[in-house]
Amino acid sequence: MSNKYFLTSALISIICFTSFTPNPPGIKLGLLKYNGGGDWYANPTSLSNLSKFCNKELRTNLDPNYATVEVGSAEIFNYPFIHMTGHGNIVLSDLESLNLRQYLLAGGFLHIDDNYGMDPFIRPFMKKVFPEIDFIELPYSHPIYHQSFNFKSGLPKIHKHDGKPSQGFGLIWEGRLVCFYSYECDLGDGWEDREVHKDPEEIRAQALQMGANLVQYAFTR
């Protein structure tokens, strides 16, 4: 049975976007674990809070207990949405890059969130996965900004960092967005428990709403 079958089965089971039956939570969001010393485990409460927000606002049926998935594991194919974050170095073996590529080609979706300082590592990391294509900045008109929540100016700015504008980059394979990279934005920090960063409620709401757009886009595109 192929990896593509497993991913397709997972996508089918997320019918909760259109069928609102009171089933127990099923699909989990995935957190990508990678080598190299970067803190892949940053923002430990973010995916749980995003799942709860999606369940409330989008009437999804996500399990708030997210899964930690190694980049080279076959388990990655069980999770239609994978989130990646951190601050530092990333090391990717040839087998891991092939596994991630196959996951994305099979219909999976990767969200990379720059938690400040990832950019020098993310670009060569994904170039190893997709040497044929480059990140492009997505226009504000892209559907990912206009799902259940409308962001006319693109990504919201959650944390200032160097004061640069937030940007949303994508890897597009044969017309399909397979990877979304949020840069100078720090969405994941905005998803964390309220007391962690003490963000204003308006900012935290924007982060969760944009995160919900990502999930909705990944599961319905």
N, C-alpha and C. Protein backbone atom coordinates (compact mmCIF):
# COMPACT_ATOMS: atom_id res chain seq x y z
N MET A 1 0.85 -1.19 0.00
CA MET A 1 0.00 0.00 0.00
C MET A 1 0.88 1.24 0.00
N SER A 2 0.64 2.18 -0.88
CA SER A 2 1.54 3.30 -1.08
C SER A 2 1.36 4.37 -0.02
N ASN A 3 2.44 5.20 0.14
CA ASN A 3 2.36 6.35 1.03
C ASN A 3 1.28 7.31 0.57
N LYS A 4 1.12 7.41 -0.75
CA LYS A 4 0.11 8.32 -1.28
C LYS A 4 -1.27 7.88 -0.84
N TYR A 5 -1.49 6.56 -0.73
CA TYR A 5 -2.78 6.07 -0.28
C TYR A 5 -3.06 6.53 1.15
N PHE A 6 -2.03 6.42 2.01
CA PHE A 6 -2.22 6.80 3.40
C PHE A 6 -2.56 8.28 3.51
N LEU A 7 -1.86 9.12 2.75
CA LEU A 7 -2.12 10.54 2.82
C LEU A 7 -3.49 10.86 2.26
N THR A 8 -3.87 10.20 1.18
CA THR A 8 -5.20 10.41 0.62
C THR A 8 -6.28 10.01 1.62
N SER A 9 -6.07 8.91 2.33
CA SER A 9 -7.03 8.47 3.33
C SER A 9 -7.17 9.50 4.44
N ALA A 10 -6.03 10.08 4.84
CA ALA A 10 -6.08 11.10 5.89
C ALA A 10 -6.84 12.33 5.42
N LEU A 11 -6.62 12.71 4.18
CA LEU A 11 -7.32 13.87 3.64
C LEU A 11 -8.82 13.61 3.55
N ILE A 12 -9.20 12.41 3.16
CA ILE A 12 -10.62 12.08 3.07
C ILE A 12 -11.27 12.14 4.44
N SER A 13 -10.54 11.72 5.46
CA SER A 13 -11.13 11.67 6.79
C SER A 13 -11.31 13.05 7.41
N ILE A 14 -10.77 14.08 6.78
CA ILE A 14 -10.94 15.44 7.29
C ILE A 14 -12.22 16.07 6.74
N ILE A 15 -13.14 15.25 6.32
CA ILE A 15 -14.41 15.73 5.77
C ILE A 15 -15.13 16.59 6.80
N CYS A 16 -14.56 16.66 8.02
CA CYS A 16 -15.16 17.49 9.06
C CYS A 16 -15.34 18.93 8.60
N PHE A 17 -14.65 19.36 7.55
CA PHE A 17 -14.86 20.71 7.05
C PHE A 17 -16.24 20.87 6.44
N THR A 18 -16.83 19.76 5.98
CA THR A 18 -18.15 19.86 5.37
C THR A 18 -19.19 19.01 6.08
N SER A 19 -18.76 18.14 6.98
CA SER A 19 -19.69 17.30 7.72
C SER A 19 -19.47 17.53 9.21
N PHE A 20 -20.44 18.09 9.89
CA PHE A 20 -20.24 18.54 11.25
C PHE A 20 -20.82 17.58 12.27
N THR A 21 -20.53 16.31 12.10
CA THR A 21 -21.03 15.31 13.04
C THR A 21 -20.16 15.30 14.29
N PRO A 22 -20.73 14.95 15.46
CA PRO A 22 -20.00 15.02 16.72
C PRO A 22 -19.10 13.80 16.94
N ASN A 23 -18.21 13.54 16.01
CA ASN A 23 -17.29 12.42 16.16
C ASN A 23 -16.16 12.80 17.10
N PRO A 24 -15.51 11.82 17.72
CA PRO A 24 -14.33 12.15 18.53
C PRO A 24 -13.24 12.71 17.64
N PRO A 25 -12.35 13.55 18.20
CA PRO A 25 -11.30 14.16 17.39
C PRO A 25 -10.49 13.11 16.64
N GLY A 26 -10.18 13.41 15.39
CA GLY A 26 -9.47 12.45 14.57
C GLY A 26 -8.13 12.95 14.08
N ILE A 27 -8.15 13.76 13.06
CA ILE A 27 -6.92 14.21 12.43
C ILE A 27 -6.11 15.11 13.37
N LYS A 28 -4.81 14.86 13.40
CA LYS A 28 -3.90 15.70 14.17
C LYS A 28 -3.05 16.55 13.22
N LEU A 29 -2.73 17.75 13.65
CA LEU A 29 -1.70 18.52 12.97
C LEU A 29 -0.35 17.94 13.37
N GLY A 30 0.64 18.07 12.49
CA GLY A 30 1.96 17.51 12.76
C GLY A 30 3.00 18.58 12.97
N LEU A 31 3.89 18.36 13.92
CA LEU A 31 5.04 19.23 14.16
C LEU A 31 6.29 18.52 13.66
N LEU A 32 7.03 19.17 12.78
CA LEU A 32 8.18 18.52 12.14
C LEU A 32 9.41 18.57 13.05
N LYS A 33 9.97 17.39 13.30
CA LYS A 33 11.20 17.26 14.07
C LYS A 33 12.35 17.05 13.10
N TYR A 34 13.39 17.88 13.21
CA TYR A 34 14.52 17.81 12.30
C TYR A 34 15.83 17.85 13.08
N ASN A 35 16.92 17.50 12.41
CA ASN A 35 18.25 17.50 13.01
C ASN A 35 18.98 18.80 12.71
N GLY A 36 20.08 19.01 13.42
CA GLY A 36 20.92 20.16 13.15
C GLY A 36 21.10 21.11 14.32
N GLY A 37 20.33 20.93 15.37
CA GLY A 37 20.48 21.77 16.55
C GLY A 37 19.46 22.89 16.68
N GLY A 38 18.69 23.14 15.61
CA GLY A 38 17.64 24.14 15.70
C GLY A 38 16.51 23.66 16.61
N ASP A 39 15.88 24.59 17.32
CA ASP A 39 14.87 24.20 18.30
C ASP A 39 13.52 24.00 17.62
N TRP A 40 13.37 22.84 16.99
CA TRP A 40 12.14 22.47 16.31
C TRP A 40 10.95 22.43 17.26
N TYR A 41 11.22 22.31 18.55
CA TYR A 41 10.20 22.15 19.59
C TYR A 41 9.73 23.49 20.15
N ALA A 42 10.16 24.60 19.56
CA ALA A 42 9.73 25.91 20.04
C ALA A 42 8.21 26.03 19.94
N ASN A 43 7.65 26.89 20.78
CA ASN A 43 6.20 27.15 20.79
C ASN A 43 5.39 25.87 21.05
N PRO A 44 5.59 25.23 22.18
CA PRO A 44 4.96 23.92 22.43
C PRO A 44 3.44 23.94 22.53
N THR A 45 2.84 25.11 22.80
CA THR A 45 1.38 25.15 22.93
C THR A 45 0.69 25.65 21.66
N SER A 46 1.46 26.01 20.64
CA SER A 46 0.88 26.71 19.49
C SER A 46 -0.08 25.83 18.69
N LEU A 47 0.32 24.63 18.34
CA LEU A 47 -0.53 23.79 17.49
C LEU A 47 -1.79 23.32 18.22
N SER A 48 -1.67 23.09 19.51
CA SER A 48 -2.87 22.72 20.28
C SER A 48 -3.89 23.86 20.26
N ASN A 49 -3.42 25.08 20.47
CA ASN A 49 -4.32 26.22 20.47
C ASN A 49 -4.90 26.48 19.08
N LEU A 50 -4.09 26.29 18.05
CA LEU A 50 -4.59 26.48 16.69
C LEU A 50 -5.67 25.44 16.38
N SER A 51 -5.46 24.20 16.80
CA SER A 51 -6.46 23.15 16.57
C SER A 51 -7.77 23.50 17.27
N LYS A 52 -7.69 23.97 18.50
CA LYS A 52 -8.90 24.34 19.25
C LYS A 52 -9.61 25.52 18.58
N PHE A 53 -8.83 26.47 18.09
CA PHE A 53 -9.42 27.62 17.41
C PHE A 53 -10.14 27.19 16.14
N CYS A 54 -9.52 26.30 15.37
CA CYS A 54 -10.15 25.80 14.14
C CYS A 54 -11.44 25.04 14.47
N ASN A 55 -11.41 24.26 15.53
CA ASN A 55 -12.61 23.51 15.92
C ASN A 55 -13.75 24.45 16.28
N LYS A 56 -13.42 25.55 16.91
CA LYS A 56 -14.44 26.51 17.33
C LYS A 56 -14.95 27.35 16.16
N GLU A 57 -14.01 27.89 15.37
CA GLU A 57 -14.37 28.87 14.35
C GLU A 57 -14.70 28.24 12.99
N LEU A 58 -14.06 27.11 12.67
CA LEU A 58 -14.29 26.47 11.37
C LEU A 58 -15.14 25.22 11.50
N ARG A 59 -15.44 24.84 12.74
CA ARG A 59 -16.21 23.62 13.02
C ARG A 59 -15.49 22.38 12.49
N THR A 60 -14.18 22.39 12.62
CA THR A 60 -13.39 21.21 12.27
C THR A 60 -13.44 20.22 13.43
N ASN A 61 -12.76 19.13 13.28
CA ASN A 61 -12.74 18.08 14.29
C ASN A 61 -11.30 17.63 14.52
N LEU A 62 -10.43 18.60 14.71
CA LEU A 62 -9.01 18.31 14.90
C LEU A 62 -8.73 17.88 16.33
N ASP A 63 -7.80 16.96 16.47
CA ASP A 63 -7.34 16.53 17.79
C ASP A 63 -6.34 17.56 18.32
N PRO A 64 -6.61 18.22 19.44
CA PRO A 64 -5.67 19.22 19.96
C PRO A 64 -4.31 18.66 20.35
N ASN A 65 -4.24 17.35 20.51
CA ASN A 65 -2.96 16.71 20.83
C ASN A 65 -2.20 16.44 19.54
N TYR A 66 -1.41 17.42 19.12
CA TYR A 66 -0.70 17.31 17.85
C TYR A 66 0.37 16.21 17.91
N ALA A 67 0.83 15.80 16.74
CA ALA A 67 1.83 14.74 16.63
C ALA A 67 3.20 15.33 16.31
N THR A 68 4.23 14.80 16.92
CA THR A 68 5.60 15.14 16.57
C THR A 68 6.10 14.11 15.55
N VAL A 69 6.54 14.59 14.39
CA VAL A 69 6.86 13.69 13.28
C VAL A 69 8.27 13.98 12.77
N GLU A 70 9.09 12.96 12.71
CA GLU A 70 10.44 13.12 12.18
C GLU A 70 10.38 13.24 10.66
N VAL A 71 11.25 14.10 10.13
CA VAL A 71 11.18 14.43 8.71
C VAL A 71 11.41 13.21 7.82
N GLY A 72 12.14 12.23 8.30
CA GLY A 72 12.42 11.04 7.49
C GLY A 72 11.50 9.87 7.76
N SER A 73 10.49 10.08 8.60
CA SER A 73 9.62 8.98 9.02
C SER A 73 8.48 8.75 8.04
N ALA A 74 8.07 7.50 7.91
CA ALA A 74 6.88 7.18 7.10
C ALA A 74 5.62 7.71 7.75
N GLU A 75 5.67 7.99 9.04
CA GLU A 75 4.50 8.50 9.76
C GLU A 75 4.05 9.86 9.24
N ILE A 76 4.95 10.57 8.58
CA ILE A 76 4.61 11.90 8.07
C ILE A 76 3.41 11.84 7.13
N PHE A 77 3.24 10.72 6.45
CA PHE A 77 2.16 10.58 5.47
C PHE A 77 0.78 10.47 6.13
N ASN A 78 0.74 10.36 7.43
CA ASN A 78 -0.53 10.31 8.14
C ASN A 78 -1.07 11.70 8.49
N TYR A 79 -0.30 12.74 8.20
CA TYR A 79 -0.66 14.08 8.63
C TYR A 79 -0.70 15.03 7.44
N PRO A 80 -1.89 15.44 7.01
CA PRO A 80 -2.00 16.31 5.83
C PRO A 80 -1.38 17.68 6.01
N PHE A 81 -1.25 18.14 7.27
CA PHE A 81 -0.71 19.47 7.56
C PHE A 81 0.47 19.32 8.53
N ILE A 82 1.64 19.76 8.09
CA ILE A 82 2.85 19.71 8.92
C ILE A 82 3.35 21.13 9.15
N HIS A 83 3.65 21.43 10.40
CA HIS A 83 4.15 22.74 10.80
C HIS A 83 5.61 22.61 11.20
N MET A 84 6.42 23.58 10.78
CA MET A 84 7.85 23.58 11.08
C MET A 84 8.24 24.94 11.64
N THR A 85 9.00 24.94 12.73
CA THR A 85 9.43 26.20 13.32
C THR A 85 10.81 26.04 13.94
N GLY A 86 11.30 27.09 14.59
CA GLY A 86 12.62 27.06 15.21
C GLY A 86 13.38 28.34 14.98
N HIS A 87 14.62 28.35 15.43
CA HIS A 87 15.46 29.54 15.32
C HIS A 87 16.80 29.29 14.64
N GLY A 88 17.20 28.04 14.48
CA GLY A 88 18.58 27.81 14.08
C GLY A 88 18.80 26.83 12.96
N ASN A 89 19.90 26.12 13.06
CA ASN A 89 20.40 25.28 11.98
C ASN A 89 19.50 24.07 11.71
N ILE A 90 19.51 23.65 10.45
CA ILE A 90 18.72 22.49 10.02
C ILE A 90 19.63 21.61 9.17
N VAL A 91 19.67 20.33 9.48
CA VAL A 91 20.45 19.37 8.70
C VAL A 91 19.49 18.34 8.13
N LEU A 92 19.59 18.11 6.84
CA LEU A 92 18.67 17.22 6.14
C LEU A 92 19.48 16.22 5.32
N SER A 93 19.28 14.93 5.59
CA SER A 93 19.97 13.90 4.81
C SER A 93 19.29 13.73 3.46
N ASP A 94 19.94 13.00 2.57
CA ASP A 94 19.35 12.75 1.25
C ASP A 94 18.05 11.97 1.37
N LEU A 95 18.02 10.98 2.26
CA LEU A 95 16.81 10.19 2.44
C LEU A 95 15.69 11.02 3.04
N GLU A 96 16.03 11.91 3.96
CA GLU A 96 15.01 12.77 4.57
C GLU A 96 14.44 13.75 3.55
N SER A 97 15.31 14.31 2.72
CA SER A 97 14.82 15.24 1.70
C SER A 97 13.92 14.53 0.70
N LEU A 98 14.26 13.30 0.35
CA LEU A 98 13.42 12.53 -0.56
C LEU A 98 12.07 12.21 0.07
N ASN A 99 12.09 11.87 1.35
CA ASN A 99 10.85 11.54 2.05
C ASN A 99 9.92 12.76 2.12
N LEU A 100 10.49 13.92 2.43
CA LEU A 100 9.69 15.13 2.50
C LEU A 100 9.15 15.51 1.12
N ARG A 101 9.96 15.33 0.12
CA ARG A 101 9.51 15.61 -1.25
C ARG A 101 8.33 14.71 -1.63
N GLN A 102 8.46 13.42 -1.34
CA GLN A 102 7.38 12.49 -1.67
C GLN A 102 6.10 12.83 -0.92
N TYR A 103 6.25 13.24 0.33
CA TYR A 103 5.09 13.65 1.13
C TYR A 103 4.37 14.83 0.48
N LEU A 104 5.12 15.83 0.06
CA LEU A 104 4.51 17.01 -0.54
C LEU A 104 3.92 16.71 -1.91
N LEU A 105 4.59 15.87 -2.68
CA LEU A 105 4.05 15.50 -3.99
C LEU A 105 2.79 14.65 -3.85
N ALA A 106 2.67 13.93 -2.75
CA ALA A 106 1.51 13.07 -2.53
C ALA A 106 0.29 13.84 -2.03
N GLY A 107 0.45 15.14 -1.80
CA GLY A 107 -0.69 15.95 -1.37
C GLY A 107 -0.54 16.59 -0.03
N GLY A 108 0.58 16.35 0.65
CA GLY A 108 0.81 16.97 1.95
C GLY A 108 1.10 18.45 1.84
N PHE A 109 1.01 19.14 2.96
CA PHE A 109 1.21 20.59 3.01
C PHE A 109 2.16 20.91 4.16
N LEU A 110 3.17 21.73 3.88
CA LEU A 110 4.15 22.13 4.88
C LEU A 110 4.05 23.62 5.13
N HIS A 111 3.85 24.00 6.40
CA HIS A 111 3.93 25.41 6.79
C HIS A 111 5.20 25.61 7.58
N ILE A 112 6.07 26.47 7.08
CA ILE A 112 7.31 26.83 7.77
C ILE A 112 7.12 28.21 8.38
N ASP A 113 7.33 28.32 9.67
CA ASP A 113 7.16 29.60 10.37
C ASP A 113 8.51 30.07 10.89
N ASP A 114 8.99 31.17 10.35
CA ASP A 114 10.25 31.76 10.80
C ASP A 114 10.07 32.31 12.21
N ASN A 115 10.66 31.60 13.16
CA ASN A 115 10.57 32.02 14.56
C ASN A 115 11.73 32.94 14.92
N TYR A 116 12.25 33.61 13.91
CA TYR A 116 13.36 34.56 13.97
C TYR A 116 14.70 33.84 13.82
N GLY A 117 15.33 34.09 12.69
CA GLY A 117 16.66 33.55 12.44
C GLY A 117 16.70 32.29 11.60
N MET A 118 15.56 31.84 11.09
CA MET A 118 15.53 30.60 10.31
C MET A 118 15.88 30.80 8.83
N ASP A 119 15.73 32.01 8.33
CA ASP A 119 15.80 32.22 6.88
C ASP A 119 17.08 31.69 6.23
N PRO A 120 18.27 31.90 6.82
CA PRO A 120 19.49 31.39 6.17
C PRO A 120 19.53 29.86 6.07
N PHE A 121 18.72 29.20 6.88
CA PHE A 121 18.72 27.74 6.89
C PHE A 121 17.55 27.15 6.10
N ILE A 122 16.43 27.86 6.09
CA ILE A 122 15.23 27.35 5.43
C ILE A 122 15.41 27.26 3.92
N ARG A 123 16.00 28.27 3.34
CA ARG A 123 16.10 28.29 1.87
C ARG A 123 16.95 27.15 1.32
N PRO A 124 18.15 26.89 1.86
CA PRO A 124 18.89 25.71 1.37
C PRO A 124 18.23 24.39 1.76
N PHE A 125 17.52 24.38 2.89
CA PHE A 125 16.79 23.19 3.33
C PHE A 125 15.76 22.79 2.28
N MET A 126 14.94 23.73 1.85
CA MET A 126 13.90 23.42 0.87
C MET A 126 14.46 23.29 -0.54
N LYS A 127 15.61 23.92 -0.81
CA LYS A 127 16.23 23.76 -2.12
C LYS A 127 16.70 22.33 -2.32
N LYS A 128 17.06 21.69 -1.22
CA LYS A 128 17.46 20.29 -1.31
C LYS A 128 16.25 19.39 -1.60
N VAL A 129 15.09 19.81 -1.13
CA VAL A 129 13.86 19.04 -1.36
C VAL A 129 13.33 19.28 -2.77
N PHE A 130 13.34 20.55 -3.20
CA PHE A 130 12.86 20.93 -4.53
C PHE A 130 13.92 21.78 -5.24
N PRO A 131 14.95 21.15 -5.79
CA PRO A 131 15.99 21.93 -6.47
C PRO A 131 15.48 22.65 -7.72
N GLU A 132 14.33 22.22 -8.25
CA GLU A 132 13.82 22.78 -9.51
C GLU A 132 13.10 24.11 -9.33
N ILE A 133 12.65 24.41 -8.12
CA ILE A 133 11.82 25.59 -7.93
C ILE A 133 12.33 26.44 -6.77
N ASP A 134 11.94 27.71 -6.78
CA ASP A 134 12.35 28.67 -5.75
C ASP A 134 11.11 29.22 -5.04
N PHE A 135 11.33 29.70 -3.83
CA PHE A 135 10.26 30.41 -3.14
C PHE A 135 9.89 31.67 -3.92
N ILE A 136 8.60 31.92 -4.02
CA ILE A 136 8.13 33.18 -4.58
C ILE A 136 7.22 33.84 -3.55
N GLU A 137 7.24 35.18 -3.52
CA GLU A 137 6.34 35.87 -2.61
C GLU A 137 4.93 35.81 -3.19
N LEU A 138 3.98 35.37 -2.38
CA LEU A 138 2.61 35.25 -2.84
C LEU A 138 1.92 36.61 -2.84
N PRO A 139 1.16 36.91 -3.87
CA PRO A 139 0.44 38.19 -3.90
C PRO A 139 -0.66 38.21 -2.84
N TYR A 140 -1.06 39.41 -2.44
CA TYR A 140 -2.11 39.54 -1.43
C TYR A 140 -3.44 38.96 -1.90
N SER A 141 -3.57 38.77 -3.20
CA SER A 141 -4.80 38.21 -3.75
C SER A 141 -4.84 36.68 -3.67
N HIS A 142 -3.76 36.05 -3.22
CA HIS A 142 -3.73 34.59 -3.18
C HIS A 142 -4.82 34.06 -2.24
N PRO A 143 -5.47 32.95 -2.62
CA PRO A 143 -6.56 32.41 -1.80
C PRO A 143 -6.19 32.10 -0.36
N ILE A 144 -4.92 31.86 -0.07
CA ILE A 144 -4.54 31.51 1.30
C ILE A 144 -4.82 32.65 2.27
N TYR A 145 -4.88 33.87 1.74
CA TYR A 145 -5.19 35.04 2.58
C TYR A 145 -6.68 35.33 2.63
N HIS A 146 -7.47 34.54 1.94
CA HIS A 146 -8.90 34.85 1.82
C HIS A 146 -9.75 33.59 1.97
N GLN A 147 -9.49 32.86 3.04
CA GLN A 147 -10.32 31.71 3.36
C GLN A 147 -11.47 32.20 4.25
N SER A 148 -11.67 31.63 5.39
CA SER A 148 -12.72 32.12 6.29
C SER A 148 -12.42 33.51 6.83
N PHE A 149 -11.14 33.86 6.85
CA PHE A 149 -10.73 35.17 7.35
C PHE A 149 -9.99 35.92 6.24
N ASN A 150 -10.31 37.18 6.10
CA ASN A 150 -9.82 37.98 4.99
C ASN A 150 -8.64 38.85 5.44
N PHE A 151 -7.50 38.66 4.81
CA PHE A 151 -6.31 39.47 5.08
C PHE A 151 -5.92 40.20 3.80
N LYS A 152 -6.47 41.40 3.64
CA LYS A 152 -6.29 42.15 2.40
C LYS A 152 -4.84 42.56 2.17
N SER A 153 -4.06 42.67 3.26
CA SER A 153 -2.66 43.09 3.14
C SER A 153 -1.69 41.95 3.41
N GLY A 154 -2.16 40.73 3.24
CA GLY A 154 -1.28 39.58 3.43
C GLY A 154 -1.08 39.24 4.90
N LEU A 155 0.07 38.68 5.20
CA LEU A 155 0.36 38.19 6.56
C LEU A 155 0.30 39.31 7.59
N PRO A 156 -0.34 39.05 8.72
CA PRO A 156 -0.29 40.02 9.82
C PRO A 156 1.09 40.03 10.45
N LYS A 157 1.45 41.12 11.05
CA LYS A 157 2.73 41.25 11.75
C LYS A 157 2.49 40.95 13.22
N ILE A 158 3.02 39.81 13.71
CA ILE A 158 2.76 39.40 15.08
C ILE A 158 3.85 39.92 16.02
N HIS A 159 5.12 39.70 15.68
CA HIS A 159 6.23 40.23 16.48
C HIS A 159 7.16 41.04 15.58
N LYS A 160 7.74 42.09 16.13
CA LYS A 160 8.49 43.05 15.33
C LYS A 160 9.82 42.51 14.82
N HIS A 161 10.58 41.82 15.69
CA HIS A 161 11.92 41.35 15.32
C HIS A 161 12.77 42.51 14.82
N ASP A 162 13.17 42.48 13.55
CA ASP A 162 14.02 43.53 13.00
C ASP A 162 13.24 44.68 12.39
N GLY A 163 11.94 44.66 12.55
CA GLY A 163 11.11 45.72 12.00
C GLY A 163 10.81 45.57 10.52
N LYS A 164 11.20 44.44 9.94
CA LYS A 164 10.92 44.21 8.52
C LYS A 164 9.45 43.82 8.35
N PRO A 165 8.90 44.06 7.16
CA PRO A 165 7.50 43.66 6.93
C PRO A 165 7.37 42.14 6.88
N SER A 166 6.24 41.64 7.31
CA SER A 166 5.99 40.21 7.19
C SER A 166 5.74 39.86 5.72
N GLN A 167 6.20 38.67 5.34
CA GLN A 167 6.06 38.22 3.96
C GLN A 167 5.66 36.75 3.93
N GLY A 168 4.83 36.42 2.97
CA GLY A 168 4.43 35.03 2.77
C GLY A 168 5.01 34.50 1.47
N PHE A 169 5.85 33.48 1.57
CA PHE A 169 6.47 32.88 0.40
C PHE A 169 5.89 31.49 0.17
N GLY A 170 5.90 31.06 -1.08
CA GLY A 170 5.39 29.74 -1.38
C GLY A 170 6.27 28.99 -2.35
N LEU A 171 6.23 27.67 -2.23
CA LEU A 171 6.78 26.78 -3.24
C LEU A 171 5.61 26.19 -4.01
N ILE A 172 5.60 26.41 -5.30
CA ILE A 172 4.48 25.97 -6.13
C ILE A 172 4.97 24.90 -7.11
N TRP A 173 4.38 23.72 -7.00
CA TRP A 173 4.74 22.59 -7.86
C TRP A 173 3.55 22.26 -8.75
N GLU A 174 3.76 22.41 -10.03
CA GLU A 174 2.73 22.11 -11.03
C GLU A 174 1.40 22.77 -10.67
N GLY A 175 1.48 24.04 -10.31
CA GLY A 175 0.31 24.84 -10.03
C GLY A 175 -0.26 24.70 -8.63
N ARG A 176 0.34 23.87 -7.80
CA ARG A 176 -0.17 23.63 -6.45
C ARG A 176 0.82 24.15 -5.41
N LEU A 177 0.29 24.91 -4.46
CA LEU A 177 1.11 25.40 -3.35
C LEU A 177 1.36 24.26 -2.38
N VAL A 178 2.62 23.81 -2.30
CA VAL A 178 2.95 22.67 -1.44
C VAL A 178 3.58 23.10 -0.13
N CYS A 179 4.13 24.32 -0.11
CA CYS A 179 4.80 24.82 1.10
C CYS A 179 4.55 26.31 1.23
N PHE A 180 4.13 26.73 2.41
CA PHE A 180 3.95 28.15 2.71
C PHE A 180 4.95 28.54 3.79
N TYR A 181 5.71 29.59 3.53
CA TYR A 181 6.77 30.04 4.44
C TYR A 181 6.42 31.44 4.94
N SER A 182 6.08 31.54 6.22
CA SER A 182 5.77 32.84 6.82
C SER A 182 7.05 33.43 7.42
N TYR A 183 7.46 34.57 6.86
CA TYR A 183 8.75 35.19 7.19
C TYR A 183 8.53 36.54 7.89
N GLU A 184 9.32 36.78 8.95
CA GLU A 184 9.23 38.03 9.72
C GLU A 184 7.81 38.29 10.22
N CYS A 185 7.17 37.22 10.62
CA CYS A 185 5.78 37.32 11.07
C CYS A 185 5.61 36.69 12.45
N ASP A 186 6.09 35.46 12.58
CA ASP A 186 6.02 34.73 13.85
C ASP A 186 4.61 34.33 14.23
N LEU A 187 3.91 33.71 13.30
CA LEU A 187 2.56 33.24 13.58
C LEU A 187 2.51 32.32 14.79
N GLY A 188 3.47 31.40 14.87
CA GLY A 188 3.46 30.41 15.95
C GLY A 188 3.50 31.03 17.33
N ASP A 189 4.23 32.13 17.49
CA ASP A 189 4.24 32.82 18.78
C ASP A 189 2.85 33.33 19.12
N GLY A 190 2.14 33.80 18.10
CA GLY A 190 0.79 34.29 18.32
C GLY A 190 -0.21 33.21 18.66
N TRP A 191 0.11 31.96 18.33
CA TRP A 191 -0.78 30.84 18.65
C TRP A 191 -0.56 30.32 20.07
N GLU A 192 0.56 30.69 20.67
CA GLU A 192 0.90 30.17 22.00
C GLU A 192 -0.11 30.61 23.06
N ASP A 193 -0.03 29.96 24.23
CA ASP A 193 -0.87 30.37 25.35
C ASP A 193 -0.70 31.87 25.61
N ARG A 194 -1.77 32.50 26.00
CA ARG A 194 -1.81 33.96 26.16
C ARG A 194 -0.68 34.48 27.06
N GLU A 195 -0.38 33.75 28.13
CA GLU A 195 0.59 34.25 29.10
C GLU A 195 2.04 34.11 28.64
N VAL A 196 2.29 33.37 27.57
CA VAL A 196 3.68 33.13 27.12
C VAL A 196 4.30 34.42 26.59
N HIS A 197 3.64 35.08 25.66
CA HIS A 197 4.19 36.29 25.05
C HIS A 197 3.41 37.56 25.40
N LYS A 198 2.25 37.35 26.05
CA LYS A 198 1.42 38.49 26.47
C LYS A 198 1.08 39.43 25.31
N ASP A 199 0.81 38.83 24.16
CA ASP A 199 0.40 39.63 23.00
C ASP A 199 -0.98 40.23 23.24
N PRO A 200 -1.24 41.42 22.70
CA PRO A 200 -2.60 41.97 22.76
C PRO A 200 -3.58 41.01 22.10
N GLU A 201 -4.81 41.01 22.60
CA GLU A 201 -5.81 40.07 22.08
C GLU A 201 -6.03 40.24 20.58
N GLU A 202 -5.97 41.46 20.10
CA GLU A 202 -6.17 41.70 18.67
C GLU A 202 -5.09 41.03 17.84
N ILE A 203 -3.84 41.11 18.30
CA ILE A 203 -2.72 40.50 17.59
C ILE A 203 -2.82 38.98 17.64
N ARG A 204 -3.13 38.46 18.81
CA ARG A 204 -3.26 37.01 18.96
C ARG A 204 -4.39 36.47 18.08
N ALA A 205 -5.49 37.22 18.00
CA ALA A 205 -6.61 36.81 17.16
C ALA A 205 -6.21 36.78 15.70
N GLN A 206 -5.43 37.76 15.26
CA GLN A 206 -4.98 37.79 13.87
C GLN A 206 -4.10 36.57 13.56
N ALA A 207 -3.23 36.23 14.50
CA ALA A 207 -2.36 35.07 14.29
C ALA A 207 -3.18 33.79 14.16
N LEU A 208 -4.14 33.60 15.04
CA LEU A 208 -4.97 32.39 15.00
C LEU A 208 -5.84 32.36 13.74
N GLN A 209 -6.37 33.50 13.34
CA GLN A 209 -7.19 33.56 12.14
C GLN A 209 -6.38 33.21 10.89
N MET A 210 -5.15 33.74 10.82
CA MET A 210 -4.31 33.42 9.66
C MET A 210 -3.92 31.94 9.70
N GLY A 211 -3.66 31.42 10.89
CA GLY A 211 -3.36 30.00 11.01
C GLY A 211 -4.53 29.14 10.56
N ALA A 212 -5.74 29.55 10.92
CA ALA A 212 -6.93 28.82 10.49
C ALA A 212 -7.06 28.86 8.97
N ASN A 213 -6.71 29.98 8.36
CA ASN A 213 -6.71 30.05 6.89
C ASN A 213 -5.76 29.02 6.30
N LEU A 214 -4.59 28.88 6.91
CA LEU A 214 -3.61 27.91 6.41
C LEU A 214 -4.18 26.49 6.47
N VAL A 215 -4.76 26.16 7.60
CA VAL A 215 -5.33 24.83 7.77
C VAL A 215 -6.46 24.60 6.78
N GLN A 216 -7.35 25.57 6.67
CA GLN A 216 -8.49 25.43 5.76
C GLN A 216 -8.02 25.29 4.31
N TYR A 217 -7.04 26.10 3.94
CA TYR A 217 -6.51 26.01 2.57
C TYR A 217 -5.89 24.65 2.32
N ALA A 218 -5.09 24.17 3.28
CA ALA A 218 -4.40 22.88 3.10
C ALA A 218 -5.37 21.73 2.95
N PHE A 219 -6.51 21.77 3.66
CA PHE A 219 -7.44 20.66 3.67
C PHE A 219 -8.52 20.74 2.58
N THR A 220 -8.63 21.88 1.93
CA THR A 220 -9.72 22.02 0.96
C THR A 220 -9.27 22.39 -0.44
N ARG A 221 -7.98 22.63 -0.64
CA ARG A 221 -7.50 23.05 -1.95
C ARG A 221 -7.65 21.93 -2.97
